[in-house]
C-alpha cells in the first residue's frame, strides 16, 4: 500500500480537494479524502499538487524515432492507399527512449496511432508508458480506426502517379471502402448460421465493422481544408469520429458543434507556414470547449516533443480557459475519446493509480516541476528535488 498525504488534488472528476490523501493498493486508487489513516508506506506530498497522469491520445512514439543512434519509421504502411487491418501495436518498440521521456514528463498513457500516409491507415491502441512489454502495457486495442485526408496521402501517392493525387479523390476512396464494408457486414448478418451464404472472410472489411457499429470511432486526420469533408463523410455513414489536428477549426465552429464529434487539437507548436499549417488557431479550442465539444490536446510526438503536452495546456490557459478545464484536455478528455475513462484520466476510487505530483500549478506556473510519476501504484520516476519525504 502507498498513502499520498497532504496534497492538493485536481481530481478531474469531483473538483479540487485542497488538502487531501490518496490511498493506493494493488495498483488501484482505493480511497480519497482527508486524514486517511492506514498501515501503508507514506509519501508526504505537502506543498505539492496531485493530478491524474497526463494523456496524449494521438502519438506515434515507439513507431517512429528521430534518434541520432536509432532512427526508424514503422508506423506508415504506404504500399496501399487503404490498410484498415494493420495494427499500430505490432510496430511499437518499447525500448524507445521516448517512452522513458514520456513518463519522466508526467505522461502515463498514450493513444498510439498509425501515421497518415494512407487514406485508411490502420488501427490505433491505448497503452501505458511504462511496463514489461507492449501487450501488458496496453489498456485497449483497438481504440479507433485512423484515416487521413489532405496533403499526406495525396503527397504519398500523387508523386507515384497513383490515387489519390488530388484532395477530391480521397473521400471517394474512403466512401467506396465503407460501402463495401457495409455490404459485407449486412451479408454476414443476413447469413447468420447459413455457412453457404456467409461471404468470404475479408480482413480489411472486418477491421471496419467495429466502426460501422460505432464500437470504435474514426480518427480523422484533417486540417482547415478538409474539416467539412471529414464531417460529411462521417455523417453519411453515421459514424462516431474525432477531428485530429484540426488546425483552422475557428472557421467551422458551428459545423463542429452540430456534428457532435470530439476534437484532438495540435500540436500547438507547429510552424505557421503555407498550406495546411497556415492557421494554428489555439483560440478555437477555448471556443469549442465553451460550446460543449470534447477537446483533447496532442503533441503528435515525436514530431513535437512529448514533454510539450503540459505547455499546450498552458497555451489554452493563456487564451482565457480556466486551469482545471485546460488540464482536463490532457487527462480525462483524451481518456474519454479513447474509451478508457473507466481506467484512467481522473483520480477516483477504483481507477488505476496513475498519478503525477507537481511542485507548482501545471499549465499556469511556467516553472512547475514534476516531482513524482506514479503508474499502476508504482513510483516510476522521482526528480532530484528533495521536497517530499518517503517514509514508512
Protein backbone atom coordinates (compact mmCIF):
# COMPACT_ATOMS: atom_id res chain seq x y z
CA UNK A 1 0.00 0.00 0.00
CA UNK A 2 1.04 3.60 -0.68
CA UNK A 3 -0.54 6.60 1.03
CA UNK A 4 -0.03 10.03 -0.52
CA UNK A 5 -0.57 12.60 2.22
CA UNK A 6 -1.32 16.32 2.47
CA UNK A 7 -1.59 17.21 -1.20
CA UNK A 8 -3.83 19.45 -3.27
CA UNK A 9 -5.74 17.08 -5.55
CA UNK A 10 -7.03 18.02 -9.01
CA UNK A 11 -9.38 15.04 -9.34
CA UNK A 12 -10.67 15.90 -12.85
CA UNK A 13 -13.94 14.34 -11.68
CA UNK A 14 -15.07 15.89 -8.39
CA UNK A 15 -13.32 19.23 -8.42
CA UNK A 16 -10.31 20.15 -6.31
CA UNK A 17 -9.51 18.86 -2.81
CA UNK A 18 -7.31 21.46 -1.13
CA UNK A 19 -5.61 19.17 1.38
CA UNK A 20 -6.25 15.50 0.84
CA UNK A 21 -4.86 11.99 0.89
CA UNK A 22 -4.86 9.22 -1.72
CA UNK A 23 -4.62 5.56 -0.70
CA UNK A 24 -3.29 3.12 -3.30
CA UNK A 25 -3.40 -0.66 -3.10
CA UNK A 26 -2.54 -3.27 -5.70
CA UNK A 27 -2.22 -0.66 -8.44
CA UNK A 28 -5.62 0.93 -7.81
CA UNK A 29 -6.90 4.01 -6.01
CA UNK A 30 -8.89 2.67 -3.07
CA UNK A 31 -9.64 5.82 -1.06
CA UNK A 32 -9.54 9.61 -1.46
CA UNK A 33 -10.20 12.02 1.38
CA UNK A 34 -8.77 13.85 4.36
CA UNK A 35 -6.79 12.37 7.26
CA UNK A 36 -6.79 8.82 5.89
CA UNK A 37 -5.09 6.51 8.39
CA UNK A 38 -3.73 3.21 7.12
CA UNK A 39 -0.73 1.00 7.72
CA UNK A 40 0.96 1.91 4.46
CA UNK A 41 4.09 3.43 3.00
CA UNK A 42 3.61 7.20 3.27
CA UNK A 43 4.55 9.74 0.65
CA UNK A 44 4.35 13.17 2.27
CA UNK A 45 3.29 15.48 -0.57
CA UNK A 46 2.76 18.65 1.42
CA UNK A 47 3.08 21.67 -0.86
CA UNK A 48 2.61 19.57 -3.98
CA UNK A 49 -0.24 19.20 -6.45
CA UNK A 50 -1.57 15.77 -7.40
CA UNK A 51 -3.36 15.16 -10.66
CA UNK A 52 -4.07 12.16 -12.88
CA UNK A 53 -1.27 11.01 -15.14
CA UNK A 54 -1.18 13.04 -18.33
CA UNK A 55 -2.58 11.53 -21.53
CA UNK A 56 -1.80 12.19 -25.19
CA UNK A 57 -4.32 10.31 -27.31
CA UNK A 58 -2.58 10.92 -30.65
CA UNK A 59 1.02 9.76 -30.61
CA UNK A 60 3.49 7.85 -32.76
CA UNK A 61 6.29 7.25 -30.25
CA UNK A 62 7.86 3.83 -30.42
CA UNK A 63 6.69 3.54 -34.04
CA UNK A 64 8.67 6.50 -35.33
CA UNK A 65 12.01 7.63 -33.96
CA UNK A 66 14.21 10.59 -34.82
CA UNK A 67 17.03 9.41 -32.56
CA UNK A 68 20.52 10.03 -33.89
CA UNK A 69 21.52 6.49 -32.97
CA UNK A 70 18.33 4.62 -33.94
CA UNK A 71 16.09 6.42 -36.40
CA UNK A 72 13.19 4.46 -37.94
CA UNK A 73 9.59 4.64 -39.17
CA UNK A 74 7.47 1.52 -38.75
CA UNK A 75 4.00 3.02 -38.48
CA UNK A 76 3.19 4.03 -42.08
CA UNK A 77 2.32 1.07 -44.34
CA UNK A 78 2.43 3.10 -47.56
CA UNK A 79 2.08 0.21 -50.01
CA UNK A 80 -1.68 0.55 -50.46
CA UNK A 81 -3.90 3.59 -50.03
CA UNK A 82 -6.24 1.61 -47.75
CA UNK A 83 -4.79 -0.56 -44.96
CA UNK A 84 -7.51 -0.74 -42.28
CA UNK A 85 -6.35 -4.12 -40.98
CA UNK A 86 -2.82 -3.13 -39.90
CA UNK A 87 -2.40 -2.53 -36.17
CA UNK A 88 -0.06 0.01 -34.63
CA UNK A 89 0.55 -2.27 -31.64
CA UNK A 90 2.75 -4.54 -33.76
CA UNK A 91 5.12 -1.74 -34.75
CA UNK A 92 5.98 -0.24 -31.37
CA UNK A 93 9.41 -0.53 -29.79
CA UNK A 94 9.03 -0.08 -26.03
CA UNK A 95 12.81 0.28 -25.73
CA UNK A 96 12.48 3.65 -27.44
CA UNK A 97 13.88 6.39 -25.22
CA UNK A 98 10.68 8.33 -25.94
CA UNK A 99 8.72 6.09 -23.54
CA UNK A 100 11.04 6.92 -20.67
CA UNK A 101 10.98 10.58 -21.66
CA UNK A 102 7.16 10.44 -21.62
CA UNK A 103 6.74 9.19 -18.05
CA UNK A 104 9.54 11.41 -16.78
CA UNK A 105 7.41 14.28 -18.07
CA UNK A 106 4.23 13.02 -16.43
CA UNK A 107 2.63 11.30 -19.44
CA UNK A 108 1.36 7.94 -18.25
CA UNK A 109 -0.96 6.95 -21.12
CA UNK A 110 -0.71 7.26 -24.89
CA UNK A 111 -3.00 6.62 -27.81
CA UNK A 112 -0.57 5.30 -30.41
CA UNK A 113 -1.85 5.56 -33.95
CA UNK A 114 -0.61 4.71 -37.42
CA UNK A 115 0.75 7.57 -39.50
CA UNK A 116 -1.26 9.48 -42.08
CA UNK A 117 0.42 8.39 -45.31
CA UNK A 118 -2.61 6.36 -46.42
CA UNK A 119 -6.28 7.27 -46.84
CA UNK A 120 -7.24 4.50 -44.40
CA UNK A 121 -4.22 4.00 -42.20
CA UNK A 122 -4.92 1.28 -39.61
CA UNK A 123 -5.91 0.66 -36.01
CA UNK A 124 -4.77 2.69 -33.01
CA UNK A 125 -4.43 1.46 -29.42
CA UNK A 126 -4.06 2.84 -25.87
CA UNK A 127 -1.08 1.97 -23.71
CA UNK A 128 0.70 2.90 -20.51
CA UNK A 129 4.15 4.42 -20.94
CA UNK A 130 5.94 2.04 -18.58
CA UNK A 131 5.76 -1.73 -18.24
CA UNK A 132 7.25 -5.10 -19.13
CA UNK A 133 6.11 -5.28 -22.76
CA UNK A 134 3.66 -3.55 -25.06
CA UNK A 135 0.95 -6.18 -24.65
CA UNK A 136 0.96 -5.99 -20.85
CA UNK A 137 1.11 -2.18 -21.06
CA UNK A 138 -1.89 -1.99 -23.40
CA UNK A 139 -5.17 -0.76 -21.95
CA UNK A 140 -7.36 -1.17 -25.02
CA UNK A 141 -6.81 -2.36 -28.59
CA UNK A 142 -8.17 -1.03 -30.86
CA UNK A 143 -9.38 2.40 -29.77
CA UNK A 144 -10.04 3.81 -33.24
CA UNK A 145 -9.52 3.42 -36.97
CA UNK A 146 -7.18 6.10 -38.31
CA UNK A 147 -8.00 7.73 -41.65
CA UNK A 148 -6.36 10.72 -43.31
CA UNK A 149 -7.46 13.49 -45.63
CA UNK A 150 -5.40 16.19 -47.26
CA UNK A 151 -1.77 16.60 -48.15
CA UNK A 152 -0.26 13.49 -46.57
CA UNK A 153 -1.98 10.70 -48.55
CA UNK A 154 -2.12 12.95 -51.63
CA UNK A 155 1.62 13.57 -51.32
CA UNK A 156 2.39 9.88 -50.80
CA UNK A 157 0.55 8.53 -53.83
CA UNK A 158 0.39 11.53 -56.15
CA UNK A 159 4.13 11.52 -56.72
CA UNK A 160 3.79 7.87 -57.79
CA UNK A 161 1.02 8.85 -60.24
CA UNK A 162 -1.42 6.76 -58.19
CA UNK A 163 -4.69 7.53 -56.39
CA UNK A 164 -5.09 9.78 -54.53
CA UNK A 165 -3.25 12.52 -56.37
CA UNK A 166 -5.89 15.13 -55.52
CA UNK A 167 -7.99 16.04 -52.49
CA UNK A 168 -11.20 15.18 -54.34
CA UNK A 169 -10.06 11.57 -54.75
CA UNK A 170 -9.65 10.90 -51.02
CA UNK A 171 -13.33 10.99 -49.95
CA UNK A 172 -14.31 8.74 -52.86
CA UNK A 173 -11.69 6.14 -51.87
CA UNK A 174 -12.85 6.25 -48.27
CA UNK A 175 -16.55 6.05 -49.07
CA UNK A 176 -16.09 3.21 -51.56
CA UNK A 177 -14.36 1.15 -48.86
CA UNK A 178 -17.04 1.92 -46.27
CA UNK A 179 -19.79 0.90 -48.71
CA UNK A 180 -18.01 -2.39 -49.36
CA UNK A 181 -17.75 -2.95 -45.62
CA UNK A 182 -21.45 -2.15 -45.10
CA UNK A 183 -22.41 -4.68 -47.79
CA UNK A 184 -20.06 -7.28 -46.30
CA UNK A 185 -21.39 -6.70 -42.77
CA UNK A 186 -25.03 -6.92 -43.91
CA UNK A 187 -24.39 -10.13 -45.83
CA UNK A 188 -22.81 -11.67 -42.73
CA UNK A 189 -25.79 -10.61 -40.60
CA UNK A 190 -28.30 -12.00 -43.10
CA UNK A 191 -26.45 -15.27 -43.48
CA UNK A 192 -26.03 -15.84 -39.73
CA UNK A 193 -25.62 -19.59 -39.34
CA UNK A 194 -26.04 -20.47 -43.02
CA UNK A 195 -22.45 -21.19 -43.97
CA UNK A 196 -23.29 -21.32 -47.67
CA UNK A 197 -24.39 -17.68 -47.64
CA UNK A 198 -21.61 -16.25 -45.48
CA UNK A 199 -19.29 -14.09 -47.62
CA UNK A 200 -15.64 -14.97 -47.95
CA UNK A 201 -13.64 -13.66 -45.00
CA UNK A 202 -12.09 -10.27 -45.73
CA UNK A 203 -9.62 -8.99 -43.13
CA UNK A 204 -9.74 -5.40 -44.35
CA UNK A 205 -13.52 -5.20 -44.23
CA UNK A 206 -13.61 -6.97 -40.86
CA UNK A 207 -11.50 -4.13 -39.44
CA UNK A 208 -14.12 -1.59 -40.50
CA UNK A 209 -17.14 -3.36 -38.97
CA UNK A 210 -16.47 -2.03 -35.42
CA UNK A 211 -16.51 1.49 -36.89
CA UNK A 212 -19.80 0.92 -38.68
CA UNK A 213 -21.28 -0.48 -35.45
CA UNK A 214 -19.99 2.57 -33.51
CA UNK A 215 -17.88 0.35 -31.28
CA UNK A 216 -14.84 2.47 -32.08
CA UNK A 217 -14.58 5.91 -33.74
CA UNK A 218 -12.74 7.16 -36.77
CA UNK A 219 -9.66 9.25 -36.01
CA UNK A 220 -9.84 11.64 -38.97
CA UNK A 221 -6.54 13.39 -39.73
CA UNK A 222 -7.59 16.72 -41.20
CA UNK A 223 -6.86 20.42 -41.20
CA UNK A 224 -8.58 23.58 -42.37
CA UNK A 225 -9.03 22.40 -45.97
CA UNK A 226 -10.62 19.04 -45.15
CA UNK A 227 -12.62 19.53 -41.97
CA UNK A 228 -16.02 19.82 -43.64
CA UNK A 229 -15.26 16.86 -45.91
CA UNK A 230 -14.43 14.79 -42.82
CA UNK A 231 -17.68 15.77 -41.13
CA UNK A 232 -19.74 14.98 -44.24
CA UNK A 233 -18.17 11.53 -44.69
CA UNK A 234 -18.83 10.61 -41.06
CA UNK A 235 -22.37 11.96 -41.29
CA UNK A 236 -23.14 9.96 -44.44
CA UNK A 237 -22.28 6.69 -42.69
CA UNK A 238 -23.50 7.79 -39.23
CA UNK A 239 -20.12 7.19 -37.59
CA UNK A 240 -18.53 8.28 -34.33
CA UNK A 241 -15.43 10.32 -35.07
CA UNK A 242 -12.84 12.79 -33.90
CA UNK A 243 -11.14 15.52 -35.89
CA UNK A 244 -7.39 15.09 -35.43
CA UNK A 245 -5.04 18.13 -35.59
CA UNK A 246 -7.96 20.38 -36.63
CA UNK A 247 -5.90 23.49 -37.37
CA UNK A 248 -8.30 26.08 -38.72
CA UNK A 249 -11.24 24.88 -36.62
CA UNK A 250 -12.20 28.50 -35.92
CA UNK A 251 -13.65 28.63 -39.45
CA UNK A 252 -16.03 25.75 -38.71
CA UNK A 253 -17.20 26.21 -35.13
CA UNK A 254 -20.91 25.75 -35.87
CA UNK A 255 -20.38 22.70 -38.07
CA UNK A 256 -18.15 21.01 -35.50
CA UNK A 257 -20.57 21.67 -32.65
CA UNK A 258 -23.51 20.41 -34.70
CA UNK A 259 -21.67 17.22 -35.69
CA UNK A 260 -21.21 16.10 -32.07
CA UNK A 261 -17.63 14.97 -32.70
CA UNK A 262 -14.61 15.30 -30.45
CA UNK A 263 -11.54 17.31 -31.42
CA UNK A 264 -7.90 16.35 -30.81
CA UNK A 265 -6.11 19.64 -31.43
CA UNK A 266 -2.44 20.14 -32.11
CA UNK A 267 0.38 20.19 -32.00
CA UNK A 268 0.30 23.82 -30.94
CA UNK A 269 4.00 24.39 -31.56
CA UNK A 270 3.93 23.68 -35.29
CA UNK A 271 5.18 26.40 -37.59
CA UNK A 272 2.65 28.81 -39.09
CA UNK A 273 3.62 28.24 -42.70
CA UNK A 274 1.88 27.89 -46.04
CA UNK A 275 -0.92 25.47 -46.80
CA UNK A 276 -2.27 23.21 -44.09
CA UNK A 277 -0.14 24.72 -41.33
CA UNK A 278 -1.06 28.33 -42.04
CA UNK A 279 -3.71 28.64 -39.33
CA UNK A 280 -2.86 27.17 -35.92
CA UNK A 281 -5.73 28.76 -34.02
CA UNK A 282 -5.47 27.71 -30.36
CA UNK A 283 -8.27 30.19 -29.57
CA UNK A 284 -10.68 27.82 -31.35
CA UNK A 285 -10.03 25.25 -28.61
CA UNK A 286 -11.42 27.60 -25.98
CA UNK A 287 -14.48 28.46 -28.06
CA UNK A 288 -15.24 24.82 -28.87
CA UNK A 289 -14.82 23.82 -25.23
CA UNK A 290 -17.19 26.60 -24.21
CA UNK A 291 -19.70 25.20 -26.70
CA UNK A 292 -19.56 21.70 -25.17
CA UNK A 293 -17.20 19.97 -27.62
CA UNK A 294 -14.97 17.28 -26.08
CA UNK A 295 -11.44 18.62 -26.59
CA UNK A 296 -8.08 16.91 -26.14
CA UNK A 297 -4.63 18.24 -26.95
CA UNK A 298 -1.83 16.41 -28.75
CA UNK A 299 1.88 16.88 -29.33
CA UNK A 300 1.85 14.39 -32.24
CA UNK A 301 5.08 13.07 -30.71
CA UNK A 302 7.77 12.55 -31.79
CA UNK A 303 7.05 15.25 -34.41
CA UNK A 304 6.84 17.63 -31.46
CA UNK A 305 8.49 16.61 -28.21
CA UNK A 306 6.18 14.76 -25.81
CA UNK A 307 7.19 16.98 -22.87
CA UNK A 308 5.43 19.92 -24.52
CA UNK A 309 1.99 18.48 -23.70
CA UNK A 310 1.75 20.46 -20.46
CA UNK A 311 2.80 23.59 -22.33
CA UNK A 312 -0.04 23.02 -24.81
CA UNK A 313 -2.44 23.22 -21.88
CA UNK A 314 -0.67 26.40 -20.79
CA UNK A 315 -1.36 27.97 -24.18
CA UNK A 316 -5.06 27.21 -23.75
CA UNK A 317 -4.99 28.92 -20.34
CA UNK A 318 -3.26 31.88 -21.96
CA UNK A 319 -6.22 32.14 -24.35
CA UNK A 320 -8.62 32.50 -21.41
CA UNK A 321 -9.53 28.95 -20.38
CA UNK A 322 -9.59 28.03 -16.70
CA UNK A 323 -6.68 25.93 -15.42
CA UNK A 324 -8.84 22.99 -14.44
CA UNK A 325 -10.65 22.87 -17.79
CA UNK A 326 -7.34 23.07 -19.67
CA UNK A 327 -5.93 20.21 -17.57
CA UNK A 328 -8.98 18.13 -18.45
CA UNK A 329 -7.80 18.35 -22.07
CA UNK A 330 -4.71 16.32 -21.19
CA UNK A 331 -6.29 13.92 -18.68
CA UNK A 332 -9.96 12.89 -18.61
CA UNK A 333 -10.94 14.24 -22.04
CA UNK A 334 -8.43 12.14 -24.03
CA UNK A 335 -9.37 9.17 -21.83
CA UNK A 336 -13.00 9.62 -22.90
CA UNK A 337 -12.01 9.99 -26.54
CA UNK A 338 -10.19 6.64 -26.35
CA UNK A 339 -12.99 4.96 -24.40
CA UNK A 340 -10.77 4.21 -21.39
CA UNK A 341 -12.16 6.69 -18.86
CA UNK A 342 -13.14 3.77 -16.63
CA UNK A 343 -9.42 3.14 -16.07
CA UNK A 344 -7.54 6.44 -16.33
CA UNK A 345 -7.91 10.20 -16.65
CA UNK A 346 -9.16 11.13 -13.18
CA UNK A 347 -8.38 10.47 -9.54
CA UNK A 348 -11.32 8.35 -8.39
CA UNK A 349 -11.73 5.23 -6.30
CA UNK A 350 -11.38 2.08 -8.37
CA UNK A 351 -9.30 3.65 -11.13
CA UNK A 352 -5.70 2.85 -11.99
CA UNK A 353 -3.27 4.59 -9.66
CA UNK A 354 -1.66 6.75 -12.35
CA UNK A 355 -0.79 9.99 -10.57
CA UNK A 356 1.64 12.85 -11.13
CA UNK A 357 2.86 15.10 -8.32
CA UNK A 358 3.90 18.64 -9.28
CA UNK A 359 5.66 21.42 -7.43
CA UNK A 360 3.74 24.39 -8.81
CA UNK A 361 0.48 24.63 -10.73
CA UNK A 362 0.82 22.88 -14.11
CA UNK A 363 -0.35 24.89 -17.15
CA UNK A 364 -0.14 28.05 -15.03
CA UNK A 365 3.30 28.20 -13.42
CA UNK A 366 5.86 28.14 -16.21
CA UNK A 367 8.36 26.55 -13.82
CA UNK A 368 6.02 23.86 -12.46
CA UNK A 369 8.15 20.75 -11.94
CA UNK A 370 7.27 17.08 -11.85
CA UNK A 371 8.40 15.53 -8.57
CA UNK A 372 6.96 12.02 -8.94
CA UNK A 373 5.27 9.97 -11.65
CA UNK A 374 3.25 7.00 -10.43
CA UNK A 375 1.93 4.31 -12.80
CA UNK A 376 -0.21 1.43 -11.54
CA UNK A 377 0.73 2.40 -7.99
CA UNK A 378 4.48 2.25 -8.62
CA UNK A 379 6.71 5.30 -8.44
CA UNK A 380 8.43 5.07 -11.83
CA UNK A 381 10.12 8.46 -11.68
CA UNK A 382 11.27 10.87 -8.97
CA UNK A 383 13.07 14.14 -9.59
CA UNK A 384 16.27 15.07 -7.82
CA UNK A 385 14.46 17.83 -5.93
CA UNK A 386 14.24 16.70 -2.29
CA UNK A 387 10.87 18.23 -1.43
CA UNK A 388 8.67 15.30 -0.30
CA UNK A 389 9.87 12.59 2.09
CA UNK A 390 9.11 8.92 1.51
CA UNK A 391 8.72 7.30 4.91
CA UNK A 392 7.30 4.14 6.40
